[in-house]
Amino acid sequence: TYHTAMLEAREYQKDKAQEMATQLRS
């Protein structure tokens, strides 16, 4: 459960960082 939660947390951060990057690229 901990590893799953950590993966989800990392995916969340990755998505938000990607969203910022996409906004800047636009």
mmCIF file of all heavy atoms, coordinates in Angstrom:
data_MODEL
# 
_entry.id   MODEL 
# 
loop_
_atom_site.group_PDB 
_atom_site.id 
_atom_site.type_symbol 
_atom_site.label_atom_id 
_atom_site.label_alt_id 
_atom_site.label_comp_id 
_atom_site.label_asym_id 
_atom_site.label_entity_id 
_atom_site.label_seq_id 
_atom_site.pdbx_PDB_ins_code 
_atom_site.Cartn_x 
_atom_site.Cartn_y 
_atom_site.Cartn_z 
_atom_site.occupancy 
_atom_site.B_iso_or_equiv 
_atom_site.pdbx_formal_charge 
_atom_site.auth_seq_id 
_atom_site.auth_comp_id 
_atom_site.auth_asym_id 
_atom_site.auth_atom_id 
_atom_site.pdbx_PDB_model_num 
ATOM 1   N N   . THR A 1 1  ? 0.833  -1.208 0.000   1.00 0.00 ? 1  THR A N   1 
ATOM 2   C CA  . THR A 1 1  ? 0.000  0.000  0.000   1.00 0.00 ? 1  THR A CA  1 
ATOM 3   C C   . THR A 1 1  ? 0.866  1.256  0.000   1.00 0.00 ? 1  THR A C   1 
ATOM 4   O O   . THR A 1 1  ? 0.572  2.236  -0.690  1.00 0.00 ? 1  THR A O   1 
ATOM 5   C CB  . THR A 1 1  ? -0.925 0.003  1.236   1.00 0.00 ? 1  THR A CB  1 
ATOM 6   O OG1 . THR A 1 1  ? -1.689 -1.203 1.247   1.00 0.00 ? 1  THR A OG1 1 
ATOM 7   C CG2 . THR A 1 1  ? -1.861 1.193  1.200   1.00 0.00 ? 1  THR A CG2 1 
ATOM 8   N N   . TYR A 1 2  ? 1.962  1.194  0.783   1.00 0.00 ? 2  TYR A N   1 
ATOM 9   C CA  . TYR A 1 2  ? 2.861  2.349  0.829   1.00 0.00 ? 2  TYR A CA  1 
ATOM 10  C C   . TYR A 1 2  ? 3.485  2.601  -0.540  1.00 0.00 ? 2  TYR A C   1 
ATOM 11  O O   . TYR A 1 2  ? 3.536  3.746  -1.011  1.00 0.00 ? 2  TYR A O   1 
ATOM 12  C CB  . TYR A 1 2  ? 3.954  2.106  1.870   1.00 0.00 ? 2  TYR A CB  1 
ATOM 13  C CG  . TYR A 1 2  ? 4.998  3.195  1.896   1.00 0.00 ? 2  TYR A CG  1 
ATOM 14  C CD1 . TYR A 1 2  ? 4.742  4.426  2.490   1.00 0.00 ? 2  TYR A CD1 1 
ATOM 15  C CD2 . TYR A 1 2  ? 6.246  2.996  1.308   1.00 0.00 ? 2  TYR A CD2 1 
ATOM 16  C CE1 . TYR A 1 2  ? 5.693  5.434  2.499   1.00 0.00 ? 2  TYR A CE1 1 
ATOM 17  C CE2 . TYR A 1 2  ? 7.200  4.000  1.315   1.00 0.00 ? 2  TYR A CE2 1 
ATOM 18  C CZ  . TYR A 1 2  ? 6.922  5.222  1.913   1.00 0.00 ? 2  TYR A CZ  1 
ATOM 19  O OH  . TYR A 1 2  ? 7.865  6.210  1.903   1.00 0.00 ? 2  TYR A OH  1 
ATOM 20  N N   . HIS A 1 3  ? 3.967  1.533  -1.176  1.00 0.00 ? 3  HIS A N   1 
ATOM 21  C CA  . HIS A 1 3  ? 4.582  1.705  -2.496  1.00 0.00 ? 3  HIS A CA  1 
ATOM 22  C C   . HIS A 1 3  ? 3.563  2.223  -3.513  1.00 0.00 ? 3  HIS A C   1 
ATOM 23  O O   . HIS A 1 3  ? 3.881  3.070  -4.353  1.00 0.00 ? 3  HIS A O   1 
ATOM 24  C CB  . HIS A 1 3  ? 5.174  0.381  -2.970  1.00 0.00 ? 3  HIS A CB  1 
ATOM 25  C CG  . HIS A 1 3  ? 6.462  0.020  -2.287  1.00 0.00 ? 3  HIS A CG  1 
ATOM 26  N ND1 . HIS A 1 3  ? 7.526  0.880  -2.210  1.00 0.00 ? 3  HIS A ND1 1 
ATOM 27  C CD2 . HIS A 1 3  ? 6.865  -1.103 -1.643  1.00 0.00 ? 3  HIS A CD2 1 
ATOM 28  C CE1 . HIS A 1 3  ? 8.522  0.323  -1.560  1.00 0.00 ? 3  HIS A CE1 1 
ATOM 29  N NE2 . HIS A 1 3  ? 8.142  -0.898 -1.192  1.00 0.00 ? 3  HIS A NE2 1 
ATOM 30  N N   . THR A 1 4  ? 2.329  1.695  -3.417  1.00 0.00 ? 4  THR A N   1 
ATOM 31  C CA  . THR A 1 4  ? 1.279  2.167  -4.326  1.00 0.00 ? 4  THR A CA  1 
ATOM 32  C C   . THR A 1 4  ? 0.991  3.647  -4.093  1.00 0.00 ? 4  THR A C   1 
ATOM 33  O O   . THR A 1 4  ? 0.859  4.433  -5.045  1.00 0.00 ? 4  THR A O   1 
ATOM 34  C CB  . THR A 1 4  ? 0.001  1.345  -4.121  1.00 0.00 ? 4  THR A CB  1 
ATOM 35  O OG1 . THR A 1 4  ? 0.278  -0.042 -4.380  1.00 0.00 ? 4  THR A OG1 1 
ATOM 36  C CG2 . THR A 1 4  ? -1.098 1.809  -5.059  1.00 0.00 ? 4  THR A CG2 1 
ATOM 37  N N   . ALA A 1 5  ? 0.890  4.031  -2.795  1.00 0.00 ? 5  ALA A N   1 
ATOM 38  C CA  . ALA A 1 5  ? 0.637  5.439  -2.467  1.00 0.00 ? 5  ALA A CA  1 
ATOM 39  C C   . ALA A 1 5  ? 1.782  6.328  -2.948  1.00 0.00 ? 5  ALA A C   1 
ATOM 40  O O   . ALA A 1 5  ? 1.559  7.435  -3.462  1.00 0.00 ? 5  ALA A O   1 
ATOM 41  C CB  . ALA A 1 5  ? 0.438  5.597  -0.960  1.00 0.00 ? 5  ALA A CB  1 
ATOM 42  N N   . MET A 1 6  ? 3.012  5.846  -2.801  1.00 0.00 ? 6  MET A N   1 
ATOM 43  C CA  . MET A 1 6  ? 4.162  6.623  -3.265  1.00 0.00 ? 6  MET A CA  1 
ATOM 44  C C   . MET A 1 6  ? 4.145  6.763  -4.784  1.00 0.00 ? 6  MET A C   1 
ATOM 45  O O   . MET A 1 6  ? 4.457  7.839  -5.320  1.00 0.00 ? 6  MET A O   1 
ATOM 46  C CB  . MET A 1 6  ? 5.462  5.961  -2.807  1.00 0.00 ? 6  MET A CB  1 
ATOM 47  C CG  . MET A 1 6  ? 5.777  6.156  -1.336  1.00 0.00 ? 6  MET A CG  1 
ATOM 48  S SD  . MET A 1 6  ? 6.008  7.905  -0.890  1.00 0.00 ? 6  MET A SD  1 
ATOM 49  C CE  . MET A 1 6  ? 7.472  8.310  -1.831  1.00 0.00 ? 6  MET A CE  1 
ATOM 50  N N   . LEU A 1 7  ? 3.778  5.693  -5.480  1.00 0.00 ? 7  LEU A N   1 
ATOM 51  C CA  . LEU A 1 7  ? 3.694  5.769  -6.941  1.00 0.00 ? 7  LEU A CA  1 
ATOM 52  C C   . LEU A 1 7  ? 2.635  6.776  -7.368  1.00 0.00 ? 7  LEU A C   1 
ATOM 53  O O   . LEU A 1 7  ? 2.839  7.569  -8.294  1.00 0.00 ? 7  LEU A O   1 
ATOM 54  C CB  . LEU A 1 7  ? 3.381  4.381  -7.511  1.00 0.00 ? 7  LEU A CB  1 
ATOM 55  C CG  . LEU A 1 7  ? 4.540  3.373  -7.523  1.00 0.00 ? 7  LEU A CG  1 
ATOM 56  C CD1 . LEU A 1 7  ? 4.042  2.011  -7.991  1.00 0.00 ? 7  LEU A CD1 1 
ATOM 57  C CD2 . LEU A 1 7  ? 5.665  3.845  -8.433  1.00 0.00 ? 7  LEU A CD2 1 
ATOM 58  N N   . GLU A 1 8  ? 1.490  6.732  -6.674  1.00 0.00 ? 8  GLU A N   1 
ATOM 59  C CA  . GLU A 1 8  ? 0.426  7.682  -6.989  1.00 0.00 ? 8  GLU A CA  1 
ATOM 60  C C   . GLU A 1 8  ? 0.884  9.116  -6.697  1.00 0.00 ? 8  GLU A C   1 
ATOM 61  O O   . GLU A 1 8  ? 0.571  10.043 -7.463  1.00 0.00 ? 8  GLU A O   1 
ATOM 62  C CB  . GLU A 1 8  ? -0.823 7.343  -6.181  1.00 0.00 ? 8  GLU A CB  1 
ATOM 63  C CG  . GLU A 1 8  ? -1.487 6.037  -6.620  1.00 0.00 ? 8  GLU A CG  1 
ATOM 64  C CD  . GLU A 1 8  ? -2.675 5.688  -5.747  1.00 0.00 ? 8  GLU A CD  1 
ATOM 65  O OE1 . GLU A 1 8  ? -2.885 6.377  -4.721  1.00 0.00 ? 8  GLU A OE1 1 
ATOM 66  O OE2 . GLU A 1 8  ? -3.384 4.717  -6.072  1.00 0.00 ? 8  GLU A OE2 1 
ATOM 67  N N   . ALA A 1 9  ? 1.604  9.298  -5.583  1.00 0.00 ? 9  ALA A N   1 
ATOM 68  C CA  . ALA A 1 9  ? 2.107  10.641 -5.249  1.00 0.00 ? 9  ALA A CA  1 
ATOM 69  C C   . ALA A 1 9  ? 3.093  11.124 -6.310  1.00 0.00 ? 9  ALA A C   1 
ATOM 70  O O   . ALA A 1 9  ? 3.052  12.283 -6.740  1.00 0.00 ? 9  ALA A O   1 
ATOM 71  C CB  . ALA A 1 9  ? 2.781  10.613 -3.869  1.00 0.00 ? 9  ALA A CB  1 
ATOM 72  N N   . ARG A 1 10 ? 3.976  10.233 -6.731  1.00 0.00 ? 10 ARG A N   1 
ATOM 73  C CA  . ARG A 1 10 ? 4.937  10.599 -7.776  1.00 0.00 ? 10 ARG A CA  1 
ATOM 74  C C   . ARG A 1 10 ? 4.230  10.913 -9.095  1.00 0.00 ? 10 ARG A C   1 
ATOM 75  O O   . ARG A 1 10 ? 4.619  11.858 -9.808  1.00 0.00 ? 10 ARG A O   1 
ATOM 76  C CB  . ARG A 1 10 ? 5.934  9.458  -7.979  1.00 0.00 ? 10 ARG A CB  1 
ATOM 77  C CG  . ARG A 1 10 ? 6.836  9.186  -6.785  1.00 0.00 ? 10 ARG A CG  1 
ATOM 78  C CD  . ARG A 1 10 ? 7.720  10.363 -6.472  1.00 0.00 ? 10 ARG A CD  1 
ATOM 79  N NE  . ARG A 1 10 ? 8.669  10.077 -5.396  1.00 0.00 ? 10 ARG A NE  1 
ATOM 80  C CZ  . ARG A 1 10 ? 9.416  10.979 -4.801  1.00 0.00 ? 10 ARG A CZ  1 
ATOM 81  N NH1 . ARG A 1 10 ? 9.330  12.254 -5.165  1.00 0.00 ? 10 ARG A NH1 1 
ATOM 82  N NH2 . ARG A 1 10 ? 10.255 10.650 -3.832  1.00 0.00 ? 10 ARG A NH2 1 
ATOM 83  N N   . GLU A 1 11 ? 3.216  10.130 -9.409  1.00 0.00 ? 11 GLU A N   1 
ATOM 84  C CA  . GLU A 1 11 ? 2.462  10.387 -10.641 1.00 0.00 ? 11 GLU A CA  1 
ATOM 85  C C   . GLU A 1 11 ? 1.746  11.725 -10.565 1.00 0.00 ? 11 GLU A C   1 
ATOM 86  O O   . GLU A 1 11 ? 1.685  12.469 -11.552 1.00 0.00 ? 11 GLU A O   1 
ATOM 87  C CB  . GLU A 1 11 ? 1.451  9.262  -10.878 1.00 0.00 ? 11 GLU A CB  1 
ATOM 88  C CG  . GLU A 1 11 ? 2.058  7.978  -11.406 1.00 0.00 ? 11 GLU A CG  1 
ATOM 89  C CD  . GLU A 1 11 ? 2.713  8.175  -12.766 1.00 0.00 ? 11 GLU A CD  1 
ATOM 90  O OE1 . GLU A 1 11 ? 2.125  8.879  -13.609 1.00 0.00 ? 11 GLU A OE1 1 
ATOM 91  O OE2 . GLU A 1 11 ? 3.813  7.642  -12.985 1.00 0.00 ? 11 GLU A OE2 1 
ATOM 92  N N   . TYR A 1 12 ? 1.209  12.030 -9.384  1.00 0.00 ? 12 TYR A N   1 
ATOM 93  C CA  . TYR A 1 12 ? 0.537  13.322 -9.190  1.00 0.00 ? 12 TYR A CA  1 
ATOM 94  C C   . TYR A 1 12 ? 1.521  14.467 -9.432  1.00 0.00 ? 12 TYR A C   1 
ATOM 95  O O   . TYR A 1 12 ? 1.239  15.423 -10.166 1.00 0.00 ? 12 TYR A O   1 
ATOM 96  C CB  . TYR A 1 12 ? -0.041 13.392 -7.780  1.00 0.00 ? 12 TYR A CB  1 
ATOM 97  C CG  . TYR A 1 12 ? -0.403 14.800 -7.326  1.00 0.00 ? 12 TYR A CG  1 
ATOM 98  C CD1 . TYR A 1 12 ? -1.577 15.415 -7.749  1.00 0.00 ? 12 TYR A CD1 1 
ATOM 99  C CD2 . TYR A 1 12 ? 0.461  15.514 -6.488  1.00 0.00 ? 12 TYR A CD2 1 
ATOM 100 C CE1 . TYR A 1 12 ? -1.891 16.705 -7.349  1.00 0.00 ? 12 TYR A CE1 1 
ATOM 101 C CE2 . TYR A 1 12 ? 0.156  16.799 -6.076  1.00 0.00 ? 12 TYR A CE2 1 
ATOM 102 C CZ  . TYR A 1 12 ? -1.022 17.394 -6.512  1.00 0.00 ? 12 TYR A CZ  1 
ATOM 103 O OH  . TYR A 1 12 ? -1.322 18.664 -6.114  1.00 0.00 ? 12 TYR A OH  1 
ATOM 104 N N   . GLN A 1 13 ? 2.697  14.369 -8.802  1.00 0.00 ? 13 GLN A N   1 
ATOM 105 C CA  . GLN A 1 13 ? 3.698  15.427 -8.973  1.00 0.00 ? 13 GLN A CA  1 
ATOM 106 C C   . GLN A 1 13 ? 4.172  15.507 -10.423 1.00 0.00 ? 13 GLN A C   1 
ATOM 107 O O   . GLN A 1 13 ? 4.367  16.600 -10.966 1.00 0.00 ? 13 GLN A O   1 
ATOM 108 C CB  . GLN A 1 13 ? 4.889  15.160 -8.047  1.00 0.00 ? 13 GLN A CB  1 
ATOM 109 C CG  . GLN A 1 13 ? 4.591  15.403 -6.575  1.00 0.00 ? 13 GLN A CG  1 
ATOM 110 C CD  . GLN A 1 13 ? 5.854  15.395 -5.753  1.00 0.00 ? 13 GLN A CD  1 
ATOM 111 O OE1 . GLN A 1 13 ? 6.674  14.484 -5.828  1.00 0.00 ? 13 GLN A OE1 1 
ATOM 112 N NE2 . GLN A 1 13 ? 6.027  16.429 -4.942  1.00 0.00 ? 13 GLN A NE2 1 
ATOM 113 N N   . LYS A 1 14 ? 4.341  14.350 -11.023 1.00 0.00 ? 14 LYS A N   1 
ATOM 114 C CA  . LYS A 1 14 ? 4.785  14.318 -12.425 1.00 0.00 ? 14 LYS A CA  1 
ATOM 115 C C   . LYS A 1 14 ? 3.757  14.990 -13.331 1.00 0.00 ? 14 LYS A C   1 
ATOM 116 O O   . LYS A 1 14 ? 4.111  15.766 -14.232 1.00 0.00 ? 14 LYS A O   1 
ATOM 117 C CB  . LYS A 1 14 ? 5.000  12.865 -12.855 1.00 0.00 ? 14 LYS A CB  1 
ATOM 118 C CG  . LYS A 1 14 ? 5.551  12.706 -14.263 1.00 0.00 ? 14 LYS A CG  1 
ATOM 119 C CD  . LYS A 1 14 ? 5.769  11.235 -14.572 1.00 0.00 ? 14 LYS A CD  1 
ATOM 120 C CE  . LYS A 1 14 ? 6.279  11.055 -16.000 1.00 0.00 ? 14 LYS A CE  1 
ATOM 121 N NZ  . LYS A 1 14 ? 6.469  9.613  -16.318 1.00 0.00 ? 14 LYS A NZ  1 
ATOM 122 N N   . ASP A 1 15 ? 2.461  14.707 -13.077 1.00 0.00 ? 15 ASP A N   1 
ATOM 123 C CA  . ASP A 1 15 ? 1.393  15.312 -13.897 1.00 0.00 ? 15 ASP A CA  1 
ATOM 124 C C   . ASP A 1 15 ? 1.377  16.833 -13.728 1.00 0.00 ? 15 ASP A C   1 
ATOM 125 O O   . ASP A 1 15 ? 1.214  17.571 -14.716 1.00 0.00 ? 15 ASP A O   1 
ATOM 126 C CB  . ASP A 1 15 ? 0.039  14.719 -13.494 1.00 0.00 ? 15 ASP A CB  1 
ATOM 127 C CG  . ASP A 1 15 ? -0.099 13.268 -13.929 1.00 0.00 ? 15 ASP A CG  1 
ATOM 128 O OD1 . ASP A 1 15 ? 0.691  12.818 -14.773 1.00 0.00 ? 15 ASP A OD1 1 
ATOM 129 O OD2 . ASP A 1 15 ? -0.982 12.576 -13.391 1.00 0.00 ? 15 ASP A OD2 1 
ATOM 130 N N   . LYS A 1 16 ? 1.528  17.306 -12.472 1.00 0.00 ? 16 LYS A N   1 
ATOM 131 C CA  . LYS A 1 16 ? 1.491  18.740 -12.240 1.00 0.00 ? 16 LYS A CA  1 
ATOM 132 C C   . LYS A 1 16 ? 2.712  19.431 -12.852 1.00 0.00 ? 16 LYS A C   1 
ATOM 133 O O   . LYS A 1 16 ? 2.607  20.534 -13.423 1.00 0.00 ? 16 LYS A O   1 
ATOM 134 C CB  . LYS A 1 16 ? 1.415  19.037 -10.740 1.00 0.00 ? 16 LYS A CB  1 
ATOM 135 C CG  . LYS A 1 16 ? 0.110  18.578 -10.091 1.00 0.00 ? 16 LYS A CG  1 
ATOM 136 C CD  . LYS A 1 16 ? -1.092 19.185 -10.781 1.00 0.00 ? 16 LYS A CD  1 
ATOM 137 C CE  . LYS A 1 16 ? -2.410 18.671 -10.254 1.00 0.00 ? 16 LYS A CE  1 
ATOM 138 N NZ  . LYS A 1 16 ? -3.576 19.226 -10.988 1.00 0.00 ? 16 LYS A NZ  1 
ATOM 139 N N   . ALA A 1 17 ? 3.871  18.795 -12.738 1.00 0.00 ? 17 ALA A N   1 
ATOM 140 C CA  . ALA A 1 17 ? 5.071  19.368 -13.353 1.00 0.00 ? 17 ALA A CA  1 
ATOM 141 C C   . ALA A 1 17 ? 4.923  19.399 -14.872 1.00 0.00 ? 17 ALA A C   1 
ATOM 142 O O   . ALA A 1 17 ? 5.326  20.374 -15.526 1.00 0.00 ? 17 ALA A O   1 
ATOM 143 C CB  . ALA A 1 17 ? 6.298  18.541 -12.949 1.00 0.00 ? 17 ALA A CB  1 
ATOM 144 N N   . GLN A 1 18 ? 4.316  18.347 -15.412 1.00 0.00 ? 18 GLN A N   1 
ATOM 145 C CA  . GLN A 1 18 ? 4.103  18.310 -16.860 1.00 0.00 ? 18 GLN A CA  1 
ATOM 146 C C   . GLN A 1 18 ? 3.106  19.386 -17.286 1.00 0.00 ? 18 GLN A C   1 
ATOM 147 O O   . GLN A 1 18 ? 3.254  20.016 -18.355 1.00 0.00 ? 18 GLN A O   1 
ATOM 148 C CB  . GLN A 1 18 ? 3.584  16.923 -17.277 1.00 0.00 ? 18 GLN A CB  1 
ATOM 149 C CG  . GLN A 1 18 ? 3.472  16.697 -18.764 1.00 0.00 ? 18 GLN A CG  1 
ATOM 150 C CD  . GLN A 1 18 ? 4.813  16.803 -19.459 1.00 0.00 ? 18 GLN A CD  1 
ATOM 151 O OE1 . GLN A 1 18 ? 5.819  16.345 -18.947 1.00 0.00 ? 18 GLN A OE1 1 
ATOM 152 N NE2 . GLN A 1 18 ? 4.838  17.422 -20.624 1.00 0.00 ? 18 GLN A NE2 1 
ATOM 153 N N   . GLU A 1 19 ? 2.108  19.606 -16.441 1.00 0.00 ? 19 GLU A N   1 
ATOM 154 C CA  . GLU A 1 19 ? 1.126  20.655 -16.748 1.00 0.00 ? 19 GLU A CA  1 
ATOM 155 C C   . GLU A 1 19 ? 1.796  22.029 -16.762 1.00 0.00 ? 19 GLU A C   1 
ATOM 156 O O   . GLU A 1 19 ? 1.521  22.853 -17.656 1.00 0.00 ? 19 GLU A O   1 
ATOM 157 C CB  . GLU A 1 19 ? -0.001 20.619 -15.711 1.00 0.00 ? 19 GLU A CB  1 
ATOM 158 C CG  . GLU A 1 19 ? -1.151 21.575 -16.023 1.00 0.00 ? 19 GLU A CG  1 
ATOM 159 C CD  . GLU A 1 19 ? -2.285 21.468 -15.024 1.00 0.00 ? 19 GLU A CD  1 
ATOM 160 O OE1 . GLU A 1 19 ? -2.275 20.515 -14.201 1.00 0.00 ? 19 GLU A OE1 1 
ATOM 161 O OE2 . GLU A 1 19 ? -3.185 22.333 -15.058 1.00 0.00 ? 19 GLU A OE2 1 
ATOM 162 N N   . MET A 1 20 ? 2.664  22.288 -15.786 1.00 0.00 ? 20 MET A N   1 
ATOM 163 C CA  . MET A 1 20 ? 3.406  23.557 -15.781 1.00 0.00 ? 20 MET A CA  1 
ATOM 164 C C   . MET A 1 20 ? 4.269  23.684 -17.024 1.00 0.00 ? 20 MET A C   1 
ATOM 165 O O   . MET A 1 20 ? 4.316  24.747 -17.667 1.00 0.00 ? 20 MET A O   1 
ATOM 166 C CB  . MET A 1 20 ? 4.295  23.641 -14.529 1.00 0.00 ? 20 MET A CB  1 
ATOM 167 C CG  . MET A 1 20 ? 3.559  24.000 -13.259 1.00 0.00 ? 20 MET A CG  1 
ATOM 168 S SD  . MET A 1 20 ? 4.731  24.438 -11.930 1.00 0.00 ? 20 MET A SD  1 
ATOM 169 C CE  . MET A 1 20 ? 5.422  22.837 -11.550 1.00 0.00 ? 20 MET A CE  1 
ATOM 170 N N   . ALA A 1 21 ? 4.962  22.596 -17.363 1.00 0.00 ? 21 ALA A N   1 
ATOM 171 C CA  . ALA A 1 21 ? 5.843  22.620 -18.535 1.00 0.00 ? 21 ALA A CA  1 
ATOM 172 C C   . ALA A 1 21 ? 5.050  22.879 -19.807 1.00 0.00 ? 21 ALA A C   1 
ATOM 173 O O   . ALA A 1 21 ? 5.479  23.642 -20.691 1.00 0.00 ? 21 ALA A O   1 
ATOM 174 C CB  . ALA A 1 21 ? 6.615  21.303 -18.629 1.00 0.00 ? 21 ALA A CB  1 
ATOM 175 N N   . THR A 1 22 ? 3.880  22.257 -19.895 1.00 0.00 ? 22 THR A N   1 
ATOM 176 C CA  . THR A 1 22 ? 3.037  22.450 -21.083 1.00 0.00 ? 22 THR A CA  1 
ATOM 177 C C   . THR A 1 22 ? 2.578  23.899 -21.194 1.00 0.00 ? 22 THR A C   1 
ATOM 178 O O   . THR A 1 22 ? 2.570  24.491 -22.289 1.00 0.00 ? 22 THR A O   1 
ATOM 179 C CB  . THR A 1 22 ? 1.821  21.510 -21.018 1.00 0.00 ? 22 THR A CB  1 
ATOM 180 O OG1 . THR A 1 22 ? 2.291  20.151 -20.949 1.00 0.00 ? 22 THR A OG1 1 
ATOM 181 C CG2 . THR A 1 22 ? 0.923  21.674 -22.231 1.00 0.00 ? 22 THR A CG2 1 
ATOM 182 N N   . GLN A 1 23 ? 2.187  24.482 -20.069 1.00 0.00 ? 23 GLN A N   1 
ATOM 183 C CA  . GLN A 1 23 ? 1.755  25.890 -20.069 1.00 0.00 ? 23 GLN A CA  1 
ATOM 184 C C   . GLN A 1 23 ? 2.901  26.816 -20.509 1.00 0.00 ? 23 GLN A C   1 
ATOM 185 O O   . GLN A 1 23 ? 2.706  27.738 -21.308 1.00 0.00 ? 23 GLN A O   1 
ATOM 186 C CB  . GLN A 1 23 ? 1.292  26.277 -18.659 1.00 0.00 ? 23 GLN A CB  1 
ATOM 187 C CG  . GLN A 1 23 ? -0.008 25.616 -18.220 1.00 0.00 ? 23 GLN A CG  1 
ATOM 188 C CD  . GLN A 1 23 ? -1.230 26.277 -18.835 1.00 0.00 ? 23 GLN A CD  1 
ATOM 189 O OE1 . GLN A 1 23 ? -1.138 27.281 -19.543 1.00 0.00 ? 23 GLN A OE1 1 
ATOM 190 N NE2 . GLN A 1 23 ? -2.381 25.683 -18.592 1.00 0.00 ? 23 GLN A NE2 1 
ATOM 191 N N   . LEU A 1 24 ? 4.110  26.535 -20.011 1.00 0.00 ? 24 LEU A N   1 
ATOM 192 C CA  . LEU A 1 24 ? 5.249  27.362 -20.389 1.00 0.00 ? 24 LEU A CA  1 
ATOM 193 C C   . LEU A 1 24 ? 5.592  27.198 -21.868 1.00 0.00 ? 24 LEU A C   1 
ATOM 194 O O   . LEU A 1 24 ? 5.917  28.177 -22.558 1.00 0.00 ? 24 LEU A O   1 
ATOM 195 C CB  . LEU A 1 24 ? 6.467  27.005 -19.533 1.00 0.00 ? 24 LEU A CB  1 
ATOM 196 C CG  . LEU A 1 24 ? 6.430  27.487 -18.077 1.00 0.00 ? 24 LEU A CG  1 
ATOM 197 C CD1 . LEU A 1 24 ? 7.608  26.927 -17.298 1.00 0.00 ? 24 LEU A CD1 1 
ATOM 198 C CD2 . LEU A 1 24 ? 6.432  29.008 -18.026 1.00 0.00 ? 24 LEU A CD2 1 
ATOM 199 N N   . ARG A 1 25 ? 5.527  25.947 -22.350 1.00 0.00 ? 25 ARG A N   1 
ATOM 200 C CA  . ARG A 1 25 ? 5.832  25.722 -23.763 1.00 0.00 ? 25 ARG A CA  1 
ATOM 201 C C   . ARG A 1 25 ? 4.808  26.442 -24.650 1.00 0.00 ? 25 ARG A C   1 
ATOM 202 O O   . ARG A 1 25 ? 5.150  27.007 -25.692 1.00 0.00 ? 25 ARG A O   1 
ATOM 203 C CB  . ARG A 1 25 ? 5.838  24.230 -24.057 1.00 0.00 ? 25 ARG A CB  1 
ATOM 204 C CG  . ARG A 1 25 ? 7.036  23.490 -23.450 1.00 0.00 ? 25 ARG A CG  1 
ATOM 205 C CD  . ARG A 1 25 ? 7.146  22.065 -23.982 1.00 0.00 ? 25 ARG A CD  1 
ATOM 206 N NE  . ARG A 1 25 ? 8.230  21.355 -23.338 1.00 0.00 ? 25 ARG A NE  1 
ATOM 207 C CZ  . ARG A 1 25 ? 8.073  20.482 -22.343 1.00 0.00 ? 25 ARG A CZ  1 
ATOM 208 N NH1 . ARG A 1 25 ? 6.843  20.247 -21.878 1.00 0.00 ? 25 ARG A NH1 1 
ATOM 209 N NH2 . ARG A 1 25 ? 9.102  19.874 -21.803 1.00 0.00 ? 25 ARG A NH2 1 
ATOM 210 N N   . SER A 1 26 ? 3.520  26.394 -24.212 1.00 0.00 ? 26 SER A N   1 
ATOM 211 C CA  . SER A 1 26 ? 2.490  27.112 -24.975 1.00 0.00 ? 26 SER A CA  1 
ATOM 212 C C   . SER A 1 26 ? 2.757  28.610 -24.969 1.00 0.00 ? 26 SER A C   1 
ATOM 213 O O   . SER A 1 26 ? 2.600  29.300 -25.992 1.00 0.00 ? 26 SER A O   1 
ATOM 214 C CB  . SER A 1 26 ? 1.103  26.829 -24.366 1.00 0.00 ? 26 SER A CB  1 
ATOM 215 O OG  . SER A 1 26 ? 0.812  25.450 -24.422 1.00 0.00 ? 26 SER A OG  1 
# 
